[in-house]
């Protein structure tokens, strides 16, 4: 039964993590730039693993019950996503991808860490997917099955983020082409504004 719980956690975890969003968009971009992409994947994975563990083993109720905390996260997320989306649209508008200096314009380790944490922790959807949904499902298991389910969901996060960063890095020569990169920036901008708009609707 523990094996079945682990497999269920792996499948459900993948279903929550794989759909394109702020985290995946940022990891993809970092992989294309080959700019601390595995560090970015590690931070996303560690955050997800921590939140999944918090949700499955009973801490999710603390976050769900704190309306002020969720409001602060939502407002901060809207602001950050709007700024990040604006930067992506500005890059697409300037269309300077074919300039040699563009490749050298990479963020420092500290900037990458800060941005990755912001992309992850200022997005209430992350808490909904990991703490609320996975936590509520995992809470239905007991003993070794609960642990197995948690391991399965966490394994999905590990496999996905490292695979995404690695594949983006390998495909960088193609994904880094000016037309492709511009399309990616436009897509990222639309995703960021779409998420920010959905957060705004949740407050209305």
N, C-alpha and C. Protein backbone atom coordinates (compact mmCIF):
# COMPACT_ATOMS: atom_id res chain seq x y z
N UNK A 1 0.83 -1.22 0.00
CA UNK A 1 0.00 0.00 0.00
C UNK A 1 0.86 1.27 0.00
N UNK A 2 2.03 1.17 0.67
CA UNK A 2 2.91 2.33 0.71
C UNK A 2 3.40 2.68 -0.70
N UNK A 3 3.65 1.64 -1.51
CA UNK A 3 4.09 1.87 -2.89
C UNK A 3 3.01 2.57 -3.70
N UNK A 4 1.77 2.18 -3.49
CA UNK A 4 0.65 2.82 -4.19
C UNK A 4 0.52 4.27 -3.76
N UNK A 5 0.71 4.55 -2.47
CA UNK A 5 0.63 5.92 -1.97
C UNK A 5 1.75 6.77 -2.55
N UNK A 6 2.96 6.18 -2.66
CA UNK A 6 4.09 6.90 -3.24
C UNK A 6 3.81 7.25 -4.69
N UNK A 7 3.29 6.28 -5.45
CA UNK A 7 2.97 6.52 -6.87
C UNK A 7 1.87 7.57 -7.01
N UNK A 8 0.87 7.52 -6.13
CA UNK A 8 -0.20 8.51 -6.17
C UNK A 8 0.34 9.90 -5.89
N UNK A 9 1.25 9.98 -4.91
CA UNK A 9 1.87 11.26 -4.61
C UNK A 9 2.70 11.78 -5.76
N UNK A 10 3.42 10.88 -6.44
CA UNK A 10 4.25 11.27 -7.58
C UNK A 10 3.39 11.83 -8.71
N UNK A 11 2.29 11.15 -9.02
CA UNK A 11 1.41 11.58 -10.11
C UNK A 11 0.70 12.89 -9.75
N UNK A 12 0.15 12.97 -8.56
CA UNK A 12 -0.57 14.18 -8.16
C UNK A 12 0.39 15.35 -8.02
N UNK A 13 1.58 15.09 -7.47
CA UNK A 13 2.58 16.14 -7.35
C UNK A 13 2.98 16.69 -8.70
N UNK A 14 3.19 15.80 -9.67
CA UNK A 14 3.53 16.23 -11.02
C UNK A 14 2.40 17.06 -11.63
N UNK A 15 1.17 16.65 -11.36
CA UNK A 15 0.02 17.39 -11.89
C UNK A 15 -0.08 18.80 -11.35
N UNK A 16 0.39 18.99 -10.12
CA UNK A 16 0.36 20.32 -9.50
C UNK A 16 1.54 21.19 -9.96
N UNK A 17 2.69 20.57 -10.21
CA UNK A 17 3.92 21.31 -10.44
C UNK A 17 4.18 21.61 -11.91
N UNK A 18 3.88 20.65 -12.81
CA UNK A 18 4.27 20.78 -14.21
C UNK A 18 3.56 21.91 -14.96
N UNK A 19 2.25 22.18 -14.74
CA UNK A 19 1.61 23.26 -15.50
C UNK A 19 2.40 24.56 -15.41
N UNK A 20 2.52 25.23 -16.57
CA UNK A 20 3.36 26.43 -16.66
C UNK A 20 2.86 27.51 -15.72
N UNK A 21 3.79 28.15 -15.04
CA UNK A 21 3.46 29.21 -14.10
C UNK A 21 4.68 30.06 -13.86
N UNK A 22 4.65 30.88 -12.80
CA UNK A 22 5.75 31.80 -12.54
C UNK A 22 7.05 31.05 -12.27
N UNK A 23 6.99 30.01 -11.43
CA UNK A 23 8.19 29.24 -11.12
C UNK A 23 8.80 28.62 -12.37
N UNK A 24 8.00 27.89 -13.12
CA UNK A 24 8.51 27.20 -14.30
C UNK A 24 9.05 28.16 -15.34
N UNK A 25 8.37 29.29 -15.52
CA UNK A 25 8.82 30.29 -16.49
C UNK A 25 10.20 30.82 -16.11
N UNK A 26 10.39 31.07 -14.82
CA UNK A 26 11.68 31.62 -14.37
C UNK A 26 12.79 30.58 -14.49
N UNK A 27 12.51 29.34 -14.08
CA UNK A 27 13.50 28.27 -14.21
C UNK A 27 13.88 28.08 -15.68
N UNK A 28 12.89 28.11 -16.56
CA UNK A 28 13.14 27.97 -18.00
C UNK A 28 14.07 29.07 -18.50
N UNK A 29 13.78 30.30 -18.12
CA UNK A 29 14.61 31.42 -18.56
C UNK A 29 16.03 31.31 -18.05
N UNK A 30 16.17 30.91 -16.78
CA UNK A 30 17.51 30.77 -16.21
C UNK A 30 18.28 29.65 -16.91
N UNK A 31 17.56 28.59 -17.29
CA UNK A 31 18.21 27.50 -18.00
C UNK A 31 18.69 27.94 -19.37
N UNK A 32 17.88 28.73 -20.07
CA UNK A 32 18.27 29.23 -21.39
C UNK A 32 19.51 30.11 -21.28
N UNK A 33 19.55 30.94 -20.24
CA UNK A 33 20.70 31.83 -20.03
C UNK A 33 21.89 31.10 -19.43
N UNK A 34 21.63 29.87 -18.90
CA UNK A 34 22.66 29.11 -18.18
C UNK A 34 23.23 29.94 -17.05
N UNK A 35 22.33 30.60 -16.35
CA UNK A 35 22.70 31.52 -15.29
C UNK A 35 22.20 30.98 -13.94
N UNK A 36 23.05 30.21 -13.27
CA UNK A 36 22.69 29.61 -11.98
C UNK A 36 21.38 28.83 -12.09
N UNK A 37 21.20 28.12 -13.20
CA UNK A 37 19.91 27.45 -13.43
C UNK A 37 19.67 26.29 -12.47
N UNK A 38 20.73 25.57 -12.11
CA UNK A 38 20.54 24.46 -11.16
C UNK A 38 20.37 24.99 -9.74
N UNK A 39 20.97 26.12 -9.43
CA UNK A 39 20.72 26.76 -8.15
C UNK A 39 19.26 27.20 -8.06
N UNK A 40 18.76 27.77 -9.17
CA UNK A 40 17.35 28.18 -9.24
C UNK A 40 16.43 26.99 -9.03
N UNK A 41 16.74 25.89 -9.72
CA UNK A 41 15.93 24.67 -9.58
C UNK A 41 15.97 24.14 -8.16
N UNK A 42 17.13 24.21 -7.53
CA UNK A 42 17.28 23.72 -6.16
C UNK A 42 16.44 24.52 -5.19
N UNK A 43 16.45 25.84 -5.34
CA UNK A 43 15.66 26.70 -4.44
C UNK A 43 14.17 26.43 -4.62
N UNK A 44 13.72 26.33 -5.87
CA UNK A 44 12.30 26.01 -6.12
C UNK A 44 11.93 24.67 -5.52
N UNK A 45 12.80 23.70 -5.69
CA UNK A 45 12.54 22.36 -5.17
C UNK A 45 12.48 22.36 -3.64
N UNK A 46 13.44 23.03 -3.00
CA UNK A 46 13.47 23.06 -1.54
C UNK A 46 12.25 23.78 -0.96
N UNK A 47 11.84 24.86 -1.62
CA UNK A 47 10.64 25.57 -1.17
C UNK A 47 9.41 24.68 -1.29
N UNK A 48 9.28 24.02 -2.44
CA UNK A 48 8.13 23.15 -2.66
C UNK A 48 8.12 21.98 -1.67
N UNK A 49 9.27 21.36 -1.48
CA UNK A 49 9.37 20.24 -0.55
C UNK A 49 8.99 20.68 0.87
N UNK A 50 9.46 21.84 1.28
CA UNK A 50 9.14 22.35 2.61
C UNK A 50 7.64 22.62 2.77
N UNK A 51 7.04 23.24 1.74
CA UNK A 51 5.61 23.56 1.81
C UNK A 51 4.76 22.29 1.74
N UNK A 52 5.19 21.33 0.94
CA UNK A 52 4.46 20.06 0.86
C UNK A 52 4.49 19.35 2.22
N UNK A 53 5.67 19.31 2.83
CA UNK A 53 5.79 18.70 4.14
C UNK A 53 4.95 19.41 5.17
N UNK A 54 4.93 20.75 5.09
CA UNK A 54 4.12 21.55 6.01
C UNK A 54 2.64 21.21 5.86
N UNK A 55 2.21 21.08 4.61
CA UNK A 55 0.79 20.80 4.36
C UNK A 55 0.38 19.39 4.76
N UNK A 56 1.18 18.41 4.38
CA UNK A 56 0.82 17.02 4.64
C UNK A 56 0.87 16.67 6.12
N UNK A 57 1.83 17.25 6.82
CA UNK A 57 1.99 16.90 8.23
C UNK A 57 1.37 17.90 9.19
N UNK A 58 0.36 18.65 8.70
CA UNK A 58 -0.51 19.39 9.59
C UNK A 58 -0.34 20.88 9.71
N UNK A 59 0.69 21.45 9.09
CA UNK A 59 0.92 22.88 9.26
C UNK A 59 0.12 23.76 8.32
N UNK A 60 -0.55 23.16 7.33
CA UNK A 60 -1.28 23.95 6.36
C UNK A 60 -2.41 24.76 6.96
N UNK A 61 -3.00 24.25 8.02
CA UNK A 61 -4.11 24.96 8.66
C UNK A 61 -3.67 26.29 9.24
N UNK A 62 -2.41 26.37 9.67
CA UNK A 62 -1.91 27.62 10.25
C UNK A 62 -1.87 28.73 9.21
N UNK A 63 -1.42 28.38 8.00
CA UNK A 63 -1.37 29.37 6.92
C UNK A 63 -2.77 29.72 6.44
N UNK A 64 -3.60 28.70 6.28
CA UNK A 64 -4.96 28.94 5.78
C UNK A 64 -5.77 29.80 6.73
N UNK A 65 -5.51 29.67 8.04
CA UNK A 65 -6.28 30.40 9.03
C UNK A 65 -5.82 31.84 9.20
N UNK A 66 -4.63 32.17 8.71
CA UNK A 66 -4.08 33.52 8.88
C UNK A 66 -4.43 34.37 7.66
N UNK A 67 -5.55 35.05 7.72
CA UNK A 67 -6.01 35.84 6.58
C UNK A 67 -5.09 37.01 6.27
N UNK A 68 -4.52 37.63 7.31
CA UNK A 68 -3.61 38.76 7.08
C UNK A 68 -2.36 38.32 6.34
N UNK A 69 -1.85 37.14 6.70
CA UNK A 69 -0.67 36.63 6.01
C UNK A 69 -0.97 36.35 4.55
N UNK A 70 -2.10 35.71 4.27
CA UNK A 70 -2.46 35.41 2.89
C UNK A 70 -2.70 36.68 2.08
N UNK A 71 -3.28 37.70 2.72
CA UNK A 71 -3.50 38.98 2.04
C UNK A 71 -2.17 39.64 1.69
N UNK A 72 -1.23 39.61 2.64
CA UNK A 72 0.08 40.20 2.40
C UNK A 72 0.81 39.47 1.27
N UNK A 73 0.72 38.14 1.26
CA UNK A 73 1.35 37.35 0.20
C UNK A 73 0.72 37.66 -1.15
N UNK A 74 -0.61 37.79 -1.16
CA UNK A 74 -1.32 38.08 -2.40
C UNK A 74 -0.95 39.44 -2.97
N UNK A 75 -0.93 40.46 -2.13
CA UNK A 75 -0.59 41.81 -2.58
C UNK A 75 0.87 41.89 -3.03
N UNK A 76 1.75 41.28 -2.25
CA UNK A 76 3.16 41.25 -2.64
C UNK A 76 3.36 40.50 -3.94
N UNK A 77 2.63 39.40 -4.10
CA UNK A 77 2.72 38.63 -5.34
C UNK A 77 2.24 39.41 -6.54
N UNK A 78 1.13 40.12 -6.39
CA UNK A 78 0.61 40.94 -7.50
C UNK A 78 1.63 41.98 -7.94
N UNK A 79 2.25 42.65 -6.96
CA UNK A 79 3.23 43.69 -7.27
C UNK A 79 4.44 43.10 -7.96
N UNK A 80 4.98 42.02 -7.40
CA UNK A 80 6.18 41.41 -7.97
C UNK A 80 5.92 40.86 -9.37
N UNK A 81 4.82 40.14 -9.54
CA UNK A 81 4.51 39.54 -10.85
C UNK A 81 4.28 40.62 -11.91
N UNK A 82 3.66 41.74 -11.50
CA UNK A 82 3.43 42.83 -12.44
C UNK A 82 4.75 43.45 -12.90
N UNK A 83 5.68 43.63 -11.95
CA UNK A 83 6.99 44.19 -12.29
C UNK A 83 7.77 43.23 -13.17
N UNK A 84 7.78 41.96 -12.79
CA UNK A 84 8.53 40.95 -13.55
C UNK A 84 7.95 40.80 -14.95
N UNK A 85 6.62 40.79 -15.05
CA UNK A 85 5.97 40.72 -16.36
C UNK A 85 6.29 41.93 -17.20
N UNK A 86 6.33 43.11 -16.57
CA UNK A 86 6.67 44.33 -17.29
C UNK A 86 8.08 44.29 -17.84
N UNK A 87 9.01 43.73 -17.07
CA UNK A 87 10.40 43.60 -17.53
C UNK A 87 10.47 42.68 -18.75
N UNK A 88 9.70 41.59 -18.72
CA UNK A 88 9.69 40.65 -19.84
C UNK A 88 9.13 41.33 -21.09
N UNK A 89 8.03 42.08 -20.94
CA UNK A 89 7.45 42.78 -22.08
C UNK A 89 8.41 43.85 -22.61
N UNK A 90 9.11 44.53 -21.70
CA UNK A 90 10.07 45.56 -22.11
C UNK A 90 11.20 44.96 -22.92
N UNK A 91 11.67 43.78 -22.50
CA UNK A 91 12.72 43.10 -23.26
C UNK A 91 12.23 42.74 -24.66
N UNK A 92 10.98 42.25 -24.72
CA UNK A 92 10.42 41.91 -26.03
C UNK A 92 10.25 43.14 -26.90
N UNK A 93 9.86 44.25 -26.29
CA UNK A 93 9.66 45.50 -27.03
C UNK A 93 10.98 46.04 -27.56
N UNK A 94 12.04 46.00 -26.72
CA UNK A 94 13.34 46.52 -27.15
C UNK A 94 13.97 45.64 -28.22
N UNK A 95 13.70 44.33 -28.14
CA UNK A 95 14.14 43.38 -29.17
C UNK A 95 15.64 43.48 -29.44
N UNK A 96 16.42 43.37 -28.36
CA UNK A 96 17.88 43.48 -28.49
C UNK A 96 18.57 42.12 -28.30
N UNK A 97 17.89 41.07 -28.61
CA UNK A 97 18.41 39.73 -28.33
C UNK A 97 19.62 39.36 -29.18
N UNK A 98 19.75 40.01 -30.34
CA UNK A 98 20.85 39.65 -31.23
C UNK A 98 22.11 40.46 -30.94
N UNK A 99 22.07 41.28 -29.88
CA UNK A 99 23.25 42.08 -29.55
C UNK A 99 24.17 41.28 -28.62
N UNK A 100 25.47 41.28 -28.88
CA UNK A 100 26.40 40.49 -28.07
C UNK A 100 26.32 40.81 -26.59
N UNK A 101 26.12 42.06 -26.25
CA UNK A 101 26.09 42.46 -24.84
C UNK A 101 24.91 41.89 -24.10
N UNK A 102 23.88 41.47 -24.83
CA UNK A 102 22.68 40.94 -24.20
C UNK A 102 23.00 39.65 -23.45
N UNK A 103 23.88 38.83 -24.01
CA UNK A 103 24.20 37.54 -23.42
C UNK A 103 24.92 37.73 -22.09
N UNK A 104 25.71 38.81 -21.98
CA UNK A 104 26.48 39.03 -20.77
C UNK A 104 25.65 39.65 -19.65
N UNK A 105 24.46 40.07 -19.94
CA UNK A 105 23.62 40.73 -18.95
C UNK A 105 22.91 39.71 -18.08
N UNK A 106 23.69 39.07 -17.20
CA UNK A 106 23.16 38.02 -16.35
C UNK A 106 23.11 38.49 -14.90
N UNK A 107 22.15 37.95 -14.16
CA UNK A 107 22.01 38.34 -12.76
C UNK A 107 23.08 37.68 -11.89
N UNK A 108 23.43 38.35 -10.79
CA UNK A 108 24.37 37.79 -9.84
C UNK A 108 23.73 36.66 -9.06
N UNK A 109 24.55 35.89 -8.33
CA UNK A 109 24.02 34.79 -7.52
C UNK A 109 22.99 35.31 -6.52
N UNK A 110 23.31 36.42 -5.88
CA UNK A 110 22.39 36.98 -4.88
C UNK A 110 21.07 37.40 -5.51
N UNK A 111 21.14 38.04 -6.69
CA UNK A 111 19.92 38.48 -7.37
C UNK A 111 19.08 37.28 -7.80
N UNK A 112 19.74 36.23 -8.27
CA UNK A 112 19.02 35.02 -8.69
C UNK A 112 18.32 34.38 -7.50
N UNK A 113 19.01 34.29 -6.37
CA UNK A 113 18.41 33.70 -5.16
C UNK A 113 17.19 34.51 -4.72
N UNK A 114 17.35 35.83 -4.68
CA UNK A 114 16.24 36.70 -4.23
C UNK A 114 15.05 36.60 -5.17
N UNK A 115 15.31 36.61 -6.48
CA UNK A 115 14.22 36.54 -7.45
C UNK A 115 13.52 35.19 -7.40
N UNK A 116 14.30 34.12 -7.25
CA UNK A 116 13.70 32.78 -7.18
C UNK A 116 12.80 32.65 -5.96
N UNK A 117 13.26 33.16 -4.82
CA UNK A 117 12.45 33.12 -3.60
C UNK A 117 11.17 33.94 -3.78
N UNK A 118 11.30 35.10 -4.44
CA UNK A 118 10.12 35.95 -4.66
C UNK A 118 9.13 35.26 -5.60
N UNK A 119 9.63 34.70 -6.70
CA UNK A 119 8.76 34.00 -7.65
C UNK A 119 8.00 32.86 -6.97
N UNK A 120 8.67 32.20 -6.02
CA UNK A 120 8.07 31.05 -5.35
C UNK A 120 7.16 31.46 -4.20
N UNK A 121 7.66 32.27 -3.29
CA UNK A 121 6.96 32.51 -2.03
C UNK A 121 5.94 33.65 -2.09
N UNK A 122 6.02 34.48 -3.14
CA UNK A 122 5.04 35.57 -3.27
C UNK A 122 3.91 35.20 -4.23
N UNK A 123 3.78 33.92 -4.52
CA UNK A 123 2.70 33.45 -5.38
C UNK A 123 1.76 32.56 -4.56
N UNK A 124 0.60 33.07 -4.20
CA UNK A 124 -0.34 32.29 -3.38
C UNK A 124 -0.74 30.96 -4.01
N UNK A 125 -0.65 30.85 -5.35
CA UNK A 125 -0.98 29.59 -6.02
C UNK A 125 -0.05 28.46 -5.56
N UNK A 126 1.19 28.81 -5.20
CA UNK A 126 2.12 27.81 -4.71
C UNK A 126 1.60 27.20 -3.41
N UNK A 127 1.08 28.06 -2.54
CA UNK A 127 0.54 27.58 -1.27
C UNK A 127 -0.73 26.76 -1.49
N UNK A 128 -1.53 27.18 -2.47
CA UNK A 128 -2.76 26.45 -2.78
C UNK A 128 -2.43 25.04 -3.26
N UNK A 129 -1.45 24.94 -4.18
CA UNK A 129 -1.11 23.64 -4.76
C UNK A 129 -0.41 22.73 -3.75
N UNK A 130 0.59 23.27 -3.06
CA UNK A 130 1.41 22.43 -2.19
C UNK A 130 0.79 22.22 -0.81
N UNK A 131 0.47 23.32 -0.15
CA UNK A 131 0.00 23.22 1.24
C UNK A 131 -1.45 22.77 1.32
N UNK A 132 -2.31 23.40 0.54
CA UNK A 132 -3.74 23.14 0.66
C UNK A 132 -4.15 21.82 -0.04
N UNK A 133 -3.90 21.74 -1.35
CA UNK A 133 -4.38 20.57 -2.10
C UNK A 133 -3.60 19.31 -1.75
N UNK A 134 -2.27 19.36 -1.92
CA UNK A 134 -1.47 18.17 -1.60
C UNK A 134 -1.54 17.86 -0.11
N UNK A 135 -1.62 18.90 0.71
CA UNK A 135 -1.72 18.69 2.15
C UNK A 135 -3.02 18.02 2.55
N UNK A 136 -4.12 18.43 1.92
CA UNK A 136 -5.41 17.84 2.26
C UNK A 136 -5.50 16.38 1.81
N UNK A 137 -4.94 16.09 0.63
CA UNK A 137 -4.94 14.71 0.15
C UNK A 137 -4.02 13.85 1.03
N UNK A 138 -2.83 14.37 1.31
CA UNK A 138 -1.88 13.62 2.12
C UNK A 138 -2.37 13.40 3.54
N UNK A 139 -3.21 14.32 4.03
CA UNK A 139 -3.73 14.19 5.38
C UNK A 139 -4.68 13.01 5.54
N UNK A 140 -5.14 12.46 4.43
CA UNK A 140 -6.06 11.32 4.49
C UNK A 140 -5.32 10.00 4.72
N UNK A 141 -4.00 10.02 4.54
CA UNK A 141 -3.21 8.81 4.77
C UNK A 141 -2.74 8.76 6.21
N UNK A 142 -2.32 7.59 6.64
CA UNK A 142 -1.81 7.39 7.99
C UNK A 142 -0.48 6.65 7.95
N UNK A 143 0.35 6.91 8.95
CA UNK A 143 1.58 6.17 9.14
C UNK A 143 2.50 6.18 7.94
N UNK A 144 2.96 4.97 7.56
CA UNK A 144 3.92 4.83 6.46
C UNK A 144 3.34 5.28 5.13
N UNK A 145 2.04 5.14 4.95
CA UNK A 145 1.43 5.57 3.69
C UNK A 145 1.49 7.09 3.55
N UNK A 146 1.30 7.80 4.64
CA UNK A 146 1.40 9.27 4.59
C UNK A 146 2.83 9.68 4.21
N UNK A 147 3.80 9.03 4.84
CA UNK A 147 5.19 9.33 4.52
C UNK A 147 5.50 9.01 3.06
N UNK A 148 4.99 7.88 2.57
CA UNK A 148 5.22 7.49 1.19
C UNK A 148 4.59 8.48 0.22
N UNK A 149 3.38 8.94 0.53
CA UNK A 149 2.72 9.94 -0.32
C UNK A 149 3.54 11.23 -0.35
N UNK A 150 4.02 11.65 0.81
CA UNK A 150 4.83 12.86 0.88
C UNK A 150 6.10 12.72 0.05
N UNK A 151 6.76 11.58 0.16
CA UNK A 151 7.98 11.33 -0.61
C UNK A 151 7.68 11.37 -2.11
N UNK A 152 6.55 10.80 -2.51
CA UNK A 152 6.17 10.81 -3.92
C UNK A 152 5.97 12.21 -4.47
N UNK A 153 5.26 13.05 -3.72
CA UNK A 153 5.02 14.43 -4.17
C UNK A 153 6.33 15.23 -4.22
N UNK A 154 7.19 14.99 -3.22
CA UNK A 154 8.47 15.70 -3.18
C UNK A 154 9.37 15.23 -4.31
N UNK A 155 9.32 13.94 -4.64
CA UNK A 155 10.12 13.40 -5.73
C UNK A 155 9.71 14.01 -7.06
N UNK A 156 8.41 14.27 -7.22
CA UNK A 156 7.92 14.91 -8.44
C UNK A 156 8.54 16.28 -8.61
N UNK A 157 8.65 17.02 -7.51
CA UNK A 157 9.25 18.36 -7.55
C UNK A 157 10.72 18.28 -7.92
N UNK A 158 11.44 17.34 -7.30
CA UNK A 158 12.87 17.18 -7.57
C UNK A 158 13.10 16.85 -9.05
N UNK A 159 12.39 15.86 -9.54
CA UNK A 159 12.56 15.42 -10.93
C UNK A 159 12.22 16.52 -11.92
N UNK A 160 11.12 17.24 -11.66
CA UNK A 160 10.65 18.22 -12.62
C UNK A 160 11.58 19.42 -12.73
N UNK A 161 11.93 20.03 -11.60
CA UNK A 161 12.72 21.26 -11.66
C UNK A 161 14.13 21.03 -12.21
N UNK A 162 14.75 19.91 -11.81
CA UNK A 162 16.08 19.64 -12.35
C UNK A 162 16.02 19.27 -13.84
N UNK A 163 14.97 18.56 -14.23
CA UNK A 163 14.81 18.22 -15.65
C UNK A 163 14.56 19.47 -16.48
N UNK A 164 13.72 20.37 -15.98
CA UNK A 164 13.40 21.60 -16.70
C UNK A 164 14.65 22.46 -16.87
N UNK A 165 15.42 22.64 -15.78
CA UNK A 165 16.63 23.45 -15.85
C UNK A 165 17.65 22.81 -16.78
N UNK A 166 17.82 21.49 -16.67
CA UNK A 166 18.80 20.81 -17.50
C UNK A 166 18.44 20.82 -18.98
N UNK A 167 17.17 20.55 -19.29
CA UNK A 167 16.73 20.54 -20.69
C UNK A 167 16.81 21.93 -21.30
N UNK A 168 16.43 22.95 -20.54
CA UNK A 168 16.51 24.32 -21.05
C UNK A 168 17.95 24.70 -21.35
N UNK A 169 18.87 24.26 -20.49
CA UNK A 169 20.29 24.54 -20.71
C UNK A 169 20.81 23.82 -21.96
N UNK A 170 20.40 22.56 -22.12
CA UNK A 170 20.84 21.80 -23.29
C UNK A 170 20.30 22.39 -24.59
N UNK A 171 19.06 22.90 -24.52
CA UNK A 171 18.41 23.45 -25.71
C UNK A 171 18.67 24.94 -25.88
N UNK A 172 19.55 25.50 -25.04
CA UNK A 172 19.82 26.94 -25.06
C UNK A 172 20.22 27.47 -26.44
N UNK A 173 21.05 26.74 -27.21
CA UNK A 173 21.40 27.26 -28.54
C UNK A 173 20.19 27.52 -29.43
N UNK A 174 19.14 26.69 -29.29
CA UNK A 174 17.92 26.90 -30.07
C UNK A 174 16.97 27.87 -29.37
N UNK A 175 16.76 27.65 -28.06
CA UNK A 175 15.83 28.50 -27.31
C UNK A 175 16.36 29.93 -27.17
N UNK A 176 17.69 30.08 -27.29
CA UNK A 176 18.28 31.40 -27.14
C UNK A 176 18.29 32.22 -28.42
N UNK A 177 17.75 31.69 -29.51
CA UNK A 177 17.66 32.47 -30.74
C UNK A 177 16.77 33.69 -30.52
N UNK A 178 17.11 34.80 -31.16
CA UNK A 178 16.37 36.05 -30.92
C UNK A 178 14.85 35.92 -31.04
N UNK A 179 14.36 35.29 -32.12
CA UNK A 179 12.91 35.17 -32.30
C UNK A 179 12.27 34.30 -31.24
N UNK A 180 12.96 33.19 -30.91
CA UNK A 180 12.43 32.29 -29.88
C UNK A 180 12.45 32.96 -28.52
N UNK A 181 13.58 33.65 -28.21
CA UNK A 181 13.70 34.32 -26.93
C UNK A 181 12.65 35.43 -26.77
N UNK A 182 12.39 36.13 -27.85
CA UNK A 182 11.36 37.18 -27.79
C UNK A 182 9.99 36.57 -27.54
N UNK A 183 9.71 35.45 -28.22
CA UNK A 183 8.44 34.77 -27.99
C UNK A 183 8.31 34.28 -26.55
N UNK A 184 9.42 33.78 -26.00
CA UNK A 184 9.40 33.32 -24.62
C UNK A 184 9.14 34.48 -23.67
N UNK A 185 9.78 35.62 -23.90
CA UNK A 185 9.57 36.79 -23.03
C UNK A 185 8.11 37.26 -23.09
N UNK A 186 7.54 37.26 -24.28
CA UNK A 186 6.13 37.66 -24.40
C UNK A 186 5.25 36.68 -23.65
N UNK A 187 5.53 35.39 -23.79
CA UNK A 187 4.75 34.36 -23.09
C UNK A 187 4.89 34.51 -21.58
N UNK A 188 6.13 34.72 -21.13
CA UNK A 188 6.37 34.91 -19.69
C UNK A 188 5.61 36.13 -19.17
N UNK A 189 5.65 37.22 -19.94
CA UNK A 189 4.92 38.42 -19.53
C UNK A 189 3.43 38.18 -19.41
N UNK A 190 2.88 37.47 -20.40
CA UNK A 190 1.45 37.15 -20.36
C UNK A 190 1.10 36.27 -19.16
N UNK A 191 1.97 35.30 -18.86
CA UNK A 191 1.74 34.41 -17.72
C UNK A 191 1.78 35.20 -16.42
N UNK A 192 2.78 36.07 -16.27
CA UNK A 192 2.91 36.86 -15.05
C UNK A 192 1.70 37.76 -14.84
N UNK A 193 1.27 38.45 -15.90
CA UNK A 193 0.11 39.33 -15.78
C UNK A 193 -1.17 38.53 -15.59
N UNK A 194 -1.24 37.35 -16.21
CA UNK A 194 -2.41 36.49 -16.02
C UNK A 194 -2.55 36.05 -14.57
N UNK A 195 -1.42 35.66 -13.95
CA UNK A 195 -1.45 35.24 -12.55
C UNK A 195 -1.77 36.43 -11.66
N UNK A 196 -1.16 37.58 -11.95
CA UNK A 196 -1.44 38.77 -11.15
C UNK A 196 -2.92 39.15 -11.23
N UNK A 197 -3.50 39.02 -12.43
CA UNK A 197 -4.92 39.35 -12.60
C UNK A 197 -5.80 38.36 -11.83
N UNK A 198 -5.42 37.08 -11.84
CA UNK A 198 -6.20 36.10 -11.10
C UNK A 198 -6.14 36.37 -9.59
N UNK A 199 -4.98 36.88 -9.13
CA UNK A 199 -4.85 37.25 -7.71
C UNK A 199 -5.74 38.45 -7.39
N UNK A 200 -5.81 39.39 -8.34
CA UNK A 200 -6.67 40.55 -8.14
C UNK A 200 -8.14 40.13 -8.05
N UNK A 201 -8.54 39.21 -8.91
CA UNK A 201 -9.92 38.73 -8.87
C UNK A 201 -10.23 38.03 -7.56
N UNK A 202 -9.23 37.37 -6.97
CA UNK A 202 -9.47 36.66 -5.71
C UNK A 202 -9.72 37.63 -4.56
N UNK A 203 -9.31 38.90 -4.74
CA UNK A 203 -9.50 39.89 -3.69
C UNK A 203 -10.84 40.63 -3.84
N UNK A 204 -11.38 40.60 -5.05
CA UNK A 204 -12.62 41.35 -5.33
C UNK A 204 -13.82 40.62 -4.75
